[in-house]
Protein backbone atom coordinates (compact mmCIF):
# COMPACT_ATOMS: atom_id res chain seq x y z
CA MET A 1 -3.44 -0.93 93.94
CA SER A 2 -3.08 -4.53 94.97
CA THR A 3 -2.59 -6.27 98.27
CA LEU A 4 -0.40 -9.28 99.01
CA CYS A 5 -0.48 -10.66 102.55
CA ASP A 6 0.55 -14.23 101.77
CA VAL A 7 3.13 -15.20 99.19
CA PRO A 8 1.67 -17.47 96.47
CA GLU A 9 2.78 -21.10 96.37
CA LEU A 10 6.26 -21.21 94.82
CA PRO A 11 8.35 -24.21 93.71
CA LEU A 12 11.03 -23.12 96.18
CA GLU A 13 11.97 -24.14 99.70
CA HIS A 14 10.28 -21.74 102.13
CA LEU A 15 12.85 -20.88 104.81
CA HIS A 16 11.28 -18.22 107.00
CA ARG A 17 8.17 -16.10 107.47
CA GLY A 18 8.98 -12.79 109.14
CA LYS A 19 6.65 -10.03 110.23
CA VAL A 20 6.63 -8.47 106.75
CA ARG A 21 9.04 -10.42 104.53
CA GLU A 22 9.29 -14.09 103.54
CA LEU A 23 12.48 -15.93 102.64
CA PHE A 24 12.98 -18.73 100.09
CA ALA A 25 16.00 -20.73 98.93
CA LEU A 26 17.17 -20.24 95.34
CA PRO A 27 19.65 -22.37 93.40
CA GLY A 28 23.28 -21.67 94.21
CA ASP A 29 24.19 -19.44 97.10
CA ARG A 30 21.18 -17.15 96.68
CA LEU A 31 17.98 -16.33 98.53
CA LEU A 32 14.66 -14.79 97.53
CA MET A 33 13.17 -12.16 99.84
CA VAL A 34 9.53 -11.23 99.20
CA ALA A 35 8.07 -8.11 100.81
CA THR A 36 4.36 -8.46 101.58
CA ASP A 37 1.83 -5.79 102.48
CA ARG A 38 1.60 -6.96 106.09
CA LEU A 39 1.95 -4.09 108.55
CA SER A 40 4.12 -4.47 111.64
CA ALA A 41 4.33 -1.86 114.37
CA PHE A 42 5.80 -2.20 117.84
CA ASP A 43 6.70 -5.83 117.03
CA VAL A 44 3.06 -6.74 116.28
CA VAL A 45 1.64 -7.73 112.87
CA MET A 46 -1.60 -5.78 112.37
CA ASP A 47 -4.77 -7.26 110.90
CA GLU A 48 -5.12 -4.74 108.07
CA PRO A 49 -2.48 -4.70 105.31
CA VAL A 50 -1.34 -1.60 103.43
CA PRO A 51 -1.86 -2.00 99.66
CA ASP A 52 1.42 -2.05 97.69
CA LYS A 53 3.48 -1.56 100.86
CA GLY A 54 5.76 -4.43 99.81
CA ARG A 55 6.48 -2.78 96.47
CA VAL A 56 7.31 0.53 98.14
CA LEU A 57 9.57 -1.19 100.70
CA THR A 58 11.39 -3.08 97.95
CA ALA A 59 11.91 0.03 95.80
CA MET A 60 13.19 2.03 98.76
CA SER A 61 15.47 -0.77 99.93
CA ALA A 62 16.93 -1.28 96.45
CA TRP A 63 17.57 2.46 96.08
CA TRP A 64 19.38 2.70 99.44
CA PHE A 65 21.39 -0.49 98.87
CA ASP A 66 22.53 0.86 95.49
CA ASN A 67 23.35 4.35 96.75
CA LEU A 68 25.18 3.24 99.91
CA SER A 69 27.08 0.27 98.49
CA ASP A 70 30.34 2.22 98.66
CA VAL A 71 30.01 2.44 102.47
CA VAL A 72 29.42 -1.27 102.98
CA PRO A 73 28.91 -4.14 100.51
CA ASN A 74 25.43 -5.60 100.64
CA HIS A 75 23.55 -8.74 99.70
CA LEU A 76 21.30 -7.39 96.92
CA LEU A 77 21.81 -8.99 93.49
CA SER A 78 18.56 -8.22 91.63
CA THR A 79 14.94 -7.11 91.91
CA SER A 80 13.89 -8.65 88.59
CA LEU A 81 11.45 -11.54 88.21
CA ALA A 82 13.58 -12.64 85.22
CA ASP A 83 16.27 -13.73 87.69
CA LEU A 84 13.95 -16.28 89.31
CA PRO A 85 13.73 -19.91 88.20
CA ASP A 86 10.94 -21.03 85.87
CA GLY A 87 7.72 -21.51 87.81
CA ALA A 88 8.62 -18.89 90.41
CA ARG A 89 8.04 -15.82 88.21
CA ASP A 90 4.57 -15.11 89.54
CA PRO A 91 3.48 -11.66 88.28
CA ARG A 92 1.98 -10.89 91.72
CA LEU A 93 5.58 -10.74 92.99
CA ALA A 94 6.66 -8.02 90.53
CA GLY A 95 8.26 -5.15 92.42
CA ARG A 96 8.25 -7.11 95.70
CA ILE A 97 11.34 -9.31 95.37
CA MET A 98 15.00 -9.09 96.13
CA VAL A 99 17.37 -11.81 94.96
CA CYS A 100 20.17 -11.80 97.50
CA ARG A 101 23.48 -13.42 98.29
CA ARG A 102 23.25 -15.86 101.17
CA ALA A 103 24.84 -14.32 104.25
CA SER A 104 25.00 -15.01 107.95
CA MET A 105 22.80 -12.71 110.00
CA LEU A 106 24.30 -11.11 113.06
CA PRO A 107 21.95 -11.36 116.06
CA VAL A 108 22.17 -7.62 116.73
CA GLU A 109 19.95 -4.98 115.16
CA CYS A 110 21.90 -1.78 114.48
CA ILE A 111 19.97 1.37 115.32
CA VAL A 112 21.28 4.92 115.12
CA ARG A 113 19.26 7.62 116.83
CA GLY A 114 19.44 11.24 115.76
CA HIS A 115 16.46 12.35 117.83
CA VAL A 116 14.96 11.46 121.20
CA THR A 117 11.87 9.46 120.21
CA GLY A 118 10.21 6.11 120.84
CA SER A 119 11.83 3.87 123.43
CA ALA A 120 14.73 6.35 123.73
CA TRP A 121 12.28 9.06 124.82
CA ARG A 122 10.57 6.74 127.31
CA GLU A 123 13.90 5.88 128.92
CA TYR A 124 15.18 9.47 128.83
CA SER A 125 12.01 10.89 130.39
CA GLN A 126 12.23 8.36 133.24
CA ARG A 127 16.00 8.18 133.88
CA GLY A 128 17.77 10.87 131.85
CA THR A 129 19.62 8.19 129.87
CA ILE A 130 19.36 6.71 126.39
CA HIS A 131 20.33 3.06 126.20
CA SER A 132 21.79 3.42 129.68
CA MET A 133 24.12 6.18 128.42
CA ARG A 134 24.01 9.62 130.00
CA ALA A 135 22.26 12.15 127.75
CA PRO A 136 22.18 15.96 127.91
CA ALA A 137 19.69 17.41 130.41
CA GLY A 138 16.62 19.31 129.25
CA LEU A 139 15.83 17.41 126.06
CA ARG A 140 12.21 17.34 124.92
CA GLU A 141 10.55 14.58 122.94
CA ALA A 142 11.80 14.52 119.33
CA ASP A 143 14.69 16.93 120.02
CA ARG A 144 17.79 16.39 117.89
CA LEU A 145 20.65 14.78 119.78
CA PRO A 146 23.98 16.67 119.79
CA GLU A 147 25.58 13.60 118.16
CA PRO A 148 23.90 10.52 116.68
CA MET A 149 23.91 7.55 119.08
CA PHE A 150 24.44 3.89 118.20
CA THR A 151 21.78 2.03 120.19
CA PRO A 152 21.72 -1.69 119.31
CA SER A 153 18.96 -4.16 120.08
CA THR A 154 18.28 -7.84 119.74
CA LYS A 155 16.23 -8.92 116.72
CA ALA A 156 13.13 -10.71 117.98
CA GLU A 157 11.23 -13.51 116.30
CA VAL A 158 7.59 -12.98 115.29
CA GLY A 159 5.52 -12.51 118.46
CA ASP A 160 8.47 -11.43 120.59
CA HIS A 161 9.74 -7.91 121.26
CA ASP A 162 13.12 -6.54 120.28
CA GLU A 163 15.20 -5.76 123.36
CA ASN A 164 17.37 -2.66 123.63
CA ILE A 165 20.89 -3.67 124.65
CA SER A 166 24.04 -1.82 125.67
CA PHE A 167 27.08 -1.65 123.43
CA ASP A 168 28.88 -3.87 125.95
CA ARG A 169 26.17 -6.49 125.59
CA ALA A 170 26.50 -6.27 121.79
CA VAL A 171 30.23 -6.91 122.28
CA GLY A 172 29.33 -9.96 124.34
CA ILE A 173 27.09 -11.26 121.54
CA VAL A 174 29.23 -10.63 118.43
CA GLY A 175 32.70 -9.83 119.82
CA GLY A 176 34.54 -6.54 120.17
CA GLU A 177 35.93 -6.20 116.65
CA ILE A 178 32.61 -6.90 114.94
CA ALA A 179 30.69 -4.67 117.37
CA GLU A 180 33.10 -1.79 116.64
CA GLN A 181 32.65 -2.37 112.89
CA LEU A 182 28.87 -2.42 113.28
CA ARG A 183 28.92 0.86 115.19
CA ALA A 184 31.28 2.58 112.73
CA VAL A 185 29.40 1.43 109.63
CA SER A 186 26.01 2.23 111.18
CA LEU A 187 27.08 5.77 112.06
CA GLU A 188 28.55 6.28 108.57
CA LEU A 189 25.35 5.01 106.92
CA PHE A 190 23.32 7.33 109.15
CA ALA A 191 25.50 10.32 108.25
CA ARG A 192 25.29 9.58 104.51
CA ALA A 193 21.54 8.99 104.60
CA SER A 194 21.07 12.19 106.63
CA ASP A 195 22.95 14.12 103.95
CA VAL A 196 20.72 12.62 101.24
CA VAL A 197 17.47 13.59 102.95
CA ALA A 198 18.63 17.01 104.24
């Protein structure tokens, strides 16, 4: 097993360092995403990496993008080092890269909850709501919800915390039509993925 916490020097413009992934510009309308072995939990990057985590994340992401592409088109073009420019084909990046179409990111993270866990459980146990929406009485931590719930959040920068937001606030951020599309596609992706893992 190998560990990669910092991406090696590449002859590409470095655009962004996220909690786990790094983003570089490629020729044309493409981007390079590199998944490192950095570990992020509760919006904090931990000191200890997980060996080969980036390779596992990339393989899982590529599989899901391929198998759910009929629900919604996605940005993934390739996971092959051969599709990188000369000088950028560092063997340490094998299995960690995604060559992607350039796209505009929406400032809303789409979360679908099938169970009462995490921040949903904290809110439910205090107020009986999930994302400010009334939820059935008597649920216990990790219980399955009667219907999956779309519970958007903001997407925080490194060092900041994601913020749970209401659907109405998501509408205020991206507009009603896009928010409705995000909810519908998110719920469809959740349903399809649930069928796969059932």
